[in-house]
């Protein structure tokens, strides 16, 4: 049977050994940049409006630093992997806070509760001392600011950073985490269609 197969392969010109000739690969298309007239006619305002129908939680990403800590409000946060324990968040490439977090190499994700809309707004603005009047303590492993009275926190080291259009995709390895049961009783702070919300009774 084996001899019959070899004779057939030779008859049709197919290689009978790993080192034999292989059929010519089809030519690869030339690579080029995408032209403006080939881009999807997508309105940024419509993009935000449609994607705004996806309700998300709200976090504050913090990091230690000099002359003081850094932080910004972030809704694009998610769990990524259980083994190893990884989380991810996205940050605009134009962010002035991100370089300070990158230099620290660590961060703490502070998950905000239903009554912490004002805290979120304070960290959403650019410039100024965002930590003025905000109680916090060092997270146990990285020393990144762990904000007081948040329902949950995740202490991380930066594992990888990827580009994603006009944003960066930051992957963090979880070093420690915890919850505040009393704060968690009030439920999470939600963001939906440009406004804060909460779960009903």
C-alpha atoms as a PDB file:
ATOM      1  CA  UNK A   1       0.000   0.000   0.000  1.00  0.00           C
ATOM      2  CA  UNK A   2       2.795   2.426   0.883  1.00  0.00           C
ATOM      3  CA  UNK A   3       4.529   1.781  -2.446  1.00  0.00           C
ATOM      4  CA  UNK A   4       1.265   2.500  -4.296  1.00  0.00           C
ATOM      5  CA  UNK A   5       0.898   5.830  -2.514  1.00  0.00           C
ATOM      6  CA  UNK A   6       4.481   6.839  -3.340  1.00  0.00           C
ATOM      7  CA  UNK A   7       3.979   5.951  -7.026  1.00  0.00           C
ATOM      8  CA  UNK A   8       0.798   8.058  -7.103  1.00  0.00           C
ATOM      9  CA  UNK A   9       2.488  11.063  -5.514  1.00  0.00           C
ATOM     10  CA  UNK A  10       5.348  10.851  -7.990  1.00  0.00           C
ATOM     11  CA  UNK A  11       2.883  10.627 -10.873  1.00  0.00           C
ATOM     12  CA  UNK A  12       1.126  13.849  -9.880  1.00  0.00           C
ATOM     13  CA  UNK A  13       4.367  15.665  -9.098  1.00  0.00           C
ATOM     14  CA  UNK A  14       3.870  15.903  -5.332  1.00  0.00           C
ATOM     15  CA  UNK A  15       6.910  15.644  -3.019  1.00  0.00           C
ATOM     16  CA  UNK A  16       7.396  12.258  -1.394  1.00  0.00           C
ATOM     17  CA  UNK A  17       9.881  13.427   1.255  1.00  0.00           C
ATOM     18  CA  UNK A  18      10.091  16.406   3.589  1.00  0.00           C
ATOM     19  CA  UNK A  19      12.999  17.776   1.565  1.00  0.00           C
ATOM     20  CA  UNK A  20      11.266  17.522  -1.797  1.00  0.00           C
ATOM     21  CA  UNK A  21      10.076  20.426  -3.899  1.00  0.00           C
ATOM     22  CA  UNK A  22       6.997  22.286  -2.740  1.00  0.00           C
ATOM     23  CA  UNK A  23       4.409  24.039  -4.854  1.00  0.00           C
ATOM     24  CA  UNK A  24       5.048  27.723  -5.427  1.00  0.00           C
ATOM     25  CA  UNK A  25       3.355  29.961  -2.881  1.00  0.00           C
ATOM     26  CA  UNK A  26       0.849  32.458  -4.247  1.00  0.00           C
ATOM     27  CA  UNK A  27       2.222  35.994  -4.520  1.00  0.00           C
ATOM     28  CA  UNK A  28       1.629  38.200  -1.493  1.00  0.00           C
ATOM     29  CA  UNK A  29      -0.383  41.368  -2.011  1.00  0.00           C
ATOM     30  CA  UNK A  30       1.578  44.591  -1.750  1.00  0.00           C
ATOM     31  CA  UNK A  31       1.238  46.315   1.630  1.00  0.00           C
ATOM     32  CA  UNK A  32       0.208  49.962   1.648  1.00  0.00           C
ATOM     33  CA  UNK A  33      -1.367  52.531   3.886  1.00  0.00           C
ATOM     34  CA  UNK A  34      -5.143  52.888   4.017  1.00  0.00           C
ATOM     35  CA  UNK A  35      -6.309  55.848   1.952  1.00  0.00           C
ATOM     36  CA  UNK A  36      -8.753  58.402   3.331  1.00  0.00           C
ATOM     37  CA  UNK A  37     -11.434  57.357   0.828  1.00  0.00           C
ATOM     38  CA  UNK A  38     -11.211  53.781   2.169  1.00  0.00           C
ATOM     39  CA  UNK A  39     -11.894  54.685   5.784  1.00  0.00           C
ATOM     40  CA  UNK A  40     -15.300  53.924   7.270  1.00  0.00           C
ATOM     41  CA  UNK A  41     -17.496  57.053   7.327  1.00  0.00           C
ATOM     42  CA  UNK A  42     -17.750  56.975  11.112  1.00  0.00           C
ATOM     43  CA  UNK A  43     -18.762  60.069  13.063  1.00  0.00           C
ATOM     44  CA  UNK A  44     -16.878  60.225  16.411  1.00  0.00           C
ATOM     45  CA  UNK A  45     -19.945  61.702  18.132  1.00  0.00           C
ATOM     46  CA  UNK A  46     -22.094  58.827  16.886  1.00  0.00           C
ATOM     47  CA  UNK A  47     -19.437  56.344  17.986  1.00  0.00           C
ATOM     48  CA  UNK A  48     -19.539  57.731  21.531  1.00  0.00           C
ATOM     49  CA  UNK A  49     -23.338  57.872  21.581  1.00  0.00           C
ATOM     50  CA  UNK A  50     -23.785  54.276  20.466  1.00  0.00           C
ATOM     51  CA  UNK A  51     -21.050  52.845  22.698  1.00  0.00           C
ATOM     52  CA  UNK A  52     -22.470  54.876  25.586  1.00  0.00           C
ATOM     53  CA  UNK A  53     -25.373  52.424  25.745  1.00  0.00           C
ATOM     54  CA  UNK A  54     -22.961  49.943  27.314  1.00  0.00           C
ATOM     55  CA  UNK A  55     -23.120  50.566  31.059  1.00  0.00           C
ATOM     56  CA  UNK A  56     -19.814  50.231  32.891  1.00  0.00           C
ATOM     57  CA  UNK A  57     -18.408  50.527  36.348  1.00  0.00           C
ATOM     58  CA  UNK A  58     -16.106  53.403  37.278  1.00  0.00           C
ATOM     59  CA  UNK A  59     -12.635  53.245  38.796  1.00  0.00           C
ATOM     60  CA  UNK A  60      -9.827  55.562  39.790  1.00  0.00           C
ATOM     61  CA  UNK A  61      -6.369  54.359  38.750  1.00  0.00           C
ATOM     62  CA  UNK A  62      -3.671  55.627  41.123  1.00  0.00           C
ATOM     63  CA  UNK A  63       0.108  55.384  41.380  1.00  0.00           C
ATOM     64  CA  UNK A  64       2.776  56.640  43.776  1.00  0.00           C
ATOM     65  CA  UNK A  65       5.178  59.311  42.622  1.00  0.00           C
ATOM     66  CA  UNK A  66       7.092  62.504  43.215  1.00  0.00           C
ATOM     67  CA  UNK A  67       6.303  65.211  44.081  1.00  0.00           C
ATOM     68  CA  UNK A  68       2.977  63.498  44.760  1.00  0.00           C
ATOM     69  CA  UNK A  69       0.765  60.610  43.703  1.00  0.00           C
ATOM     70  CA  UNK A  70      -0.969  60.421  40.322  1.00  0.00           C
ATOM     71  CA  UNK A  71      -4.462  59.301  39.430  1.00  0.00           C
ATOM     72  CA  UNK A  72      -7.244  59.500  36.887  1.00  0.00           C
ATOM     73  CA  UNK A  73     -10.856  58.346  36.529  1.00  0.00           C
ATOM     74  CA  UNK A  74     -11.231  55.312  34.289  1.00  0.00           C
ATOM     75  CA  UNK A  75     -14.283  53.385  33.109  1.00  0.00           C
ATOM     76  CA  UNK A  76     -12.419  51.162  30.631  1.00  0.00           C
ATOM     77  CA  UNK A  77     -11.266  48.608  33.184  1.00  0.00           C
ATOM     78  CA  UNK A  78     -11.765  44.841  33.103  1.00  0.00           C
ATOM     79  CA  UNK A  79     -10.549  41.545  34.504  1.00  0.00           C
ATOM     80  CA  UNK A  80      -8.337  39.822  31.936  1.00  0.00           C
ATOM     81  CA  UNK A  81      -6.974  36.530  33.280  1.00  0.00           C
ATOM     82  CA  UNK A  82      -7.371  34.295  36.316  1.00  0.00           C
ATOM     83  CA  UNK A  83      -4.122  32.346  35.896  1.00  0.00           C
ATOM     84  CA  UNK A  84      -1.979  34.389  36.085  1.00  0.00           C
ATOM     85  CA  UNK A  85      -4.170  37.039  37.719  1.00  0.00           C
ATOM     86  CA  UNK A  86      -4.267  39.947  35.249  1.00  0.00           C
ATOM     87  CA  UNK A  87      -6.412  43.038  34.808  1.00  0.00           C
ATOM     88  CA  UNK A  88      -6.447  45.680  32.092  1.00  0.00           C
ATOM     89  CA  UNK A  89      -7.386  49.287  31.596  1.00  0.00           C
ATOM     90  CA  UNK A  90      -7.237  51.684  28.675  1.00  0.00           C
ATOM     91  CA  UNK A  91      -5.841  55.221  28.792  1.00  0.00           C
ATOM     92  CA  UNK A  92      -5.686  57.921  26.122  1.00  0.00           C
ATOM     93  CA  UNK A  93      -2.265  58.371  24.568  1.00  0.00           C
ATOM     94  CA  UNK A  94      -2.650  62.113  25.215  1.00  0.00           C
ATOM     95  CA  UNK A  95      -3.094  61.598  28.970  1.00  0.00           C
ATOM     96  CA  UNK A  96      -0.733  63.692  31.078  1.00  0.00           C
ATOM     97  CA  UNK A  97      -1.224  61.348  34.043  1.00  0.00           C
ATOM     98  CA  UNK A  98      -0.226  58.148  32.268  1.00  0.00           C
ATOM     99  CA  UNK A  99       3.516  58.961  31.981  1.00  0.00           C
ATOM    100  CA  UNK A 100       3.661  59.327  35.774  1.00  0.00           C
ATOM    101  CA  UNK A 101       1.953  55.950  36.249  1.00  0.00           C
ATOM    102  CA  UNK A 102       4.270  54.378  33.678  1.00  0.00           C
ATOM    103  CA  UNK A 103       7.327  55.705  35.519  1.00  0.00           C
ATOM    104  CA  UNK A 104       6.027  54.236  38.781  1.00  0.00           C
ATOM    105  CA  UNK A 105       5.572  50.833  37.131  1.00  0.00           C
ATOM    106  CA  UNK A 106       2.686  50.052  39.497  1.00  0.00           C
ATOM    107  CA  UNK A 107      -0.916  51.090  40.041  1.00  0.00           C
ATOM    108  CA  UNK A 108      -3.957  50.519  42.217  1.00  0.00           C
ATOM    109  CA  UNK A 109      -7.452  50.174  40.774  1.00  0.00           C
ATOM    110  CA  UNK A 110      -9.988  51.771  43.119  1.00  0.00           C
ATOM    111  CA  UNK A 111     -13.517  50.567  42.285  1.00  0.00           C
ATOM    112  CA  UNK A 112     -15.942  53.376  43.099  1.00  0.00           C
ATOM    113  CA  UNK A 113     -19.224  52.986  44.925  1.00  0.00           C
ATOM    114  CA  UNK A 114     -22.655  54.458  44.209  1.00  0.00           C
ATOM    115  CA  UNK A 115     -22.117  57.581  46.313  1.00  0.00           C
ATOM    116  CA  UNK A 116     -18.698  58.497  44.933  1.00  0.00           C
ATOM    117  CA  UNK A 117     -19.642  60.464  41.820  1.00  0.00           C
ATOM    118  CA  UNK A 118     -17.997  63.622  43.168  1.00  0.00           C
ATOM    119  CA  UNK A 119     -14.790  61.681  43.813  1.00  0.00           C
ATOM    120  CA  UNK A 120     -14.845  60.452  40.221  1.00  0.00           C
ATOM    121  CA  UNK A 121     -15.340  63.979  38.874  1.00  0.00           C
ATOM    122  CA  UNK A 122     -12.381  65.191  40.910  1.00  0.00           C
ATOM    123  CA  UNK A 123     -10.109  62.632  39.247  1.00  0.00           C
ATOM    124  CA  UNK A 124     -11.609  63.219  35.787  1.00  0.00           C
ATOM    125  CA  UNK A 125     -10.297  66.785  35.504  1.00  0.00           C
ATOM    126  CA  UNK A 126      -6.865  67.592  34.142  1.00  0.00           C
ATOM    127  CA  UNK A 127      -4.300  69.352  36.310  1.00  0.00           C
ATOM    128  CA  UNK A 128      -4.460  70.475  39.916  1.00  0.00           C
ATOM    129  CA  UNK A 129      -4.026  68.401  43.049  1.00  0.00           C
ATOM    130  CA  UNK A 130      -6.550  65.608  42.590  1.00  0.00           C
ATOM    131  CA  UNK A 131      -5.701  64.138  45.982  1.00  0.00           C
ATOM    132  CA  UNK A 132      -6.483  67.313  47.966  1.00  0.00           C
ATOM    133  CA  UNK A 133      -8.832  66.313  50.772  1.00  0.00           C
ATOM    134  CA  UNK A 134      -8.992  62.686  49.582  1.00  0.00           C
ATOM    135  CA  UNK A 135      -8.194  60.132  52.273  1.00  0.00           C
ATOM    136  CA  UNK A 136      -5.947  57.313  51.143  1.00  0.00           C
ATOM    137  CA  UNK A 137      -3.258  54.921  52.332  1.00  0.00           C
ATOM    138  CA  UNK A 138      -0.565  52.899  50.551  1.00  0.00           C
ATOM    139  CA  UNK A 139      -1.675  49.647  48.953  1.00  0.00           C
ATOM    140  CA  UNK A 140       0.083  46.736  50.675  1.00  0.00           C
ATOM    141  CA  UNK A 141       2.477  45.635  47.911  1.00  0.00           C
ATOM    142  CA  UNK A 142       3.093  48.542  45.530  1.00  0.00           C
ATOM    143  CA  UNK A 143       2.410  51.526  47.788  1.00  0.00           C
ATOM    144  CA  UNK A 144       0.012  53.020  45.215  1.00  0.00           C
ATOM    145  CA  UNK A 145      -2.745  55.109  46.854  1.00  0.00           C
ATOM    146  CA  UNK A 146      -5.666  53.012  48.033  1.00  0.00           C
ATOM    147  CA  UNK A 147      -8.601  55.401  48.376  1.00  0.00           C
ATOM    148  CA  UNK A 148     -10.714  55.316  51.523  1.00  0.00           C
ATOM    149  CA  UNK A 149     -14.249  53.900  51.479  1.00  0.00           C
ATOM    150  CA  UNK A 150     -14.092  52.289  48.036  1.00  0.00           C
ATOM    151  CA  UNK A 151     -15.940  48.965  47.694  1.00  0.00           C
ATOM    152  CA  UNK A 152     -12.918  47.181  46.209  1.00  0.00           C
ATOM    153  CA  UNK A 153      -9.279  47.724  45.271  1.00  0.00           C
ATOM    154  CA  UNK A 154      -6.723  45.841  43.170  1.00  0.00           C
ATOM    155  CA  UNK A 155      -2.986  46.409  43.704  1.00  0.00           C
ATOM    156  CA  UNK A 156      -0.938  45.757  40.536  1.00  0.00           C
ATOM    157  CA  UNK A 157       2.400  45.933  38.800  1.00  0.00           C
ATOM    158  CA  UNK A 158       2.502  46.847  35.112  1.00  0.00           C
ATOM    159  CA  UNK A 159       3.070  43.698  33.046  1.00  0.00           C
ATOM    160  CA  UNK A 160       2.631  44.974  29.482  1.00  0.00           C
ATOM    161  CA  UNK A 161       1.485  47.977  27.460  1.00  0.00           C
ATOM    162  CA  UNK A 162       0.009  47.674  23.962  1.00  0.00           C
ATOM    163  CA  UNK A 163      -1.108  50.291  21.472  1.00  0.00           C
ATOM    164  CA  UNK A 164      -4.778  50.451  20.528  1.00  0.00           C
ATOM    165  CA  UNK A 165      -5.466  53.331  18.171  1.00  0.00           C
ATOM    166  CA  UNK A 166      -5.565  56.570  20.132  1.00  0.00           C
ATOM    167  CA  UNK A 167      -5.374  54.642  23.439  1.00  0.00           C
ATOM    168  CA  UNK A 168      -2.916  52.414  25.255  1.00  0.00           C
ATOM    169  CA  UNK A 169      -3.939  49.018  26.618  1.00  0.00           C
ATOM    170  CA  UNK A 170      -2.281  48.501  29.983  1.00  0.00           C
ATOM    171  CA  UNK A 171      -2.045  45.007  31.468  1.00  0.00           C
ATOM    172  CA  UNK A 172      -1.389  44.691  35.174  1.00  0.00           C
ATOM    173  CA  UNK A 173      -0.475  41.667  37.269  1.00  0.00           C
ATOM    174  CA  UNK A 174      -2.491  41.532  40.478  1.00  0.00           C
ATOM    175  CA  UNK A 175      -0.288  41.510  43.574  1.00  0.00           C
ATOM    176  CA  UNK A 176      -2.996  42.047  46.196  1.00  0.00           C
ATOM    177  CA  UNK A 177      -6.675  42.911  46.352  1.00  0.00           C
ATOM    178  CA  UNK A 178      -9.507  43.355  48.778  1.00  0.00           C
ATOM    179  CA  UNK A 179     -12.957  44.713  49.531  1.00  0.00           C
ATOM    180  CA  UNK A 180     -14.697  46.927  52.076  1.00  0.00           C
ATOM    181  CA  UNK A 181     -17.978  45.133  52.893  1.00  0.00           C
ATOM    182  CA  UNK A 182     -19.521  48.252  54.413  1.00  0.00           C
ATOM    183  CA  UNK A 183     -18.822  50.328  51.295  1.00  0.00           C
ATOM    184  CA  UNK A 184     -19.923  47.504  48.994  1.00  0.00           C
ATOM    185  CA  UNK A 185     -23.393  47.455  50.561  1.00  0.00           C
ATOM    186  CA  UNK A 186     -24.305  50.645  48.685  1.00  0.00           C
ATOM    187  CA  UNK A 187     -23.595  49.080  45.288  1.00  0.00           C
ATOM    188  CA  UNK A 188     -21.337  50.238  42.463  1.00  0.00           C
ATOM    189  CA  UNK A 189     -21.097  53.577  40.717  1.00  0.00           C
ATOM    190  CA  UNK A 190     -22.293  53.060  37.128  1.00  0.00           C
ATOM    191  CA  UNK A 191     -21.721  55.155  34.020  1.00  0.00           C
ATOM    192  CA  UNK A 192     -24.304  55.030  31.232  1.00  0.00           C
ATOM    193  CA  UNK A 193     -24.957  57.406  28.323  1.00  0.00           C
ATOM    194  CA  UNK A 194     -22.832  60.156  29.805  1.00  0.00           C
ATOM    195  CA  UNK A 195     -24.329  60.094  33.308  1.00  0.00           C
ATOM    196  CA  UNK A 196     -23.784  58.321  36.610  1.00  0.00           C
ATOM    197  CA  UNK A 197     -26.316  55.781  37.813  1.00  0.00           C
ATOM    198  CA  UNK A 198     -26.835  53.008  40.325  1.00  0.00           C
ATOM    199  CA  UNK A 199     -28.690  49.746  40.749  1.00  0.00           C
ATOM    200  CA  UNK A 200     -32.300  50.062  41.857  1.00  0.00           C
ATOM    201  CA  UNK A 201     -33.611  48.454  45.047  1.00  0.00           C
END
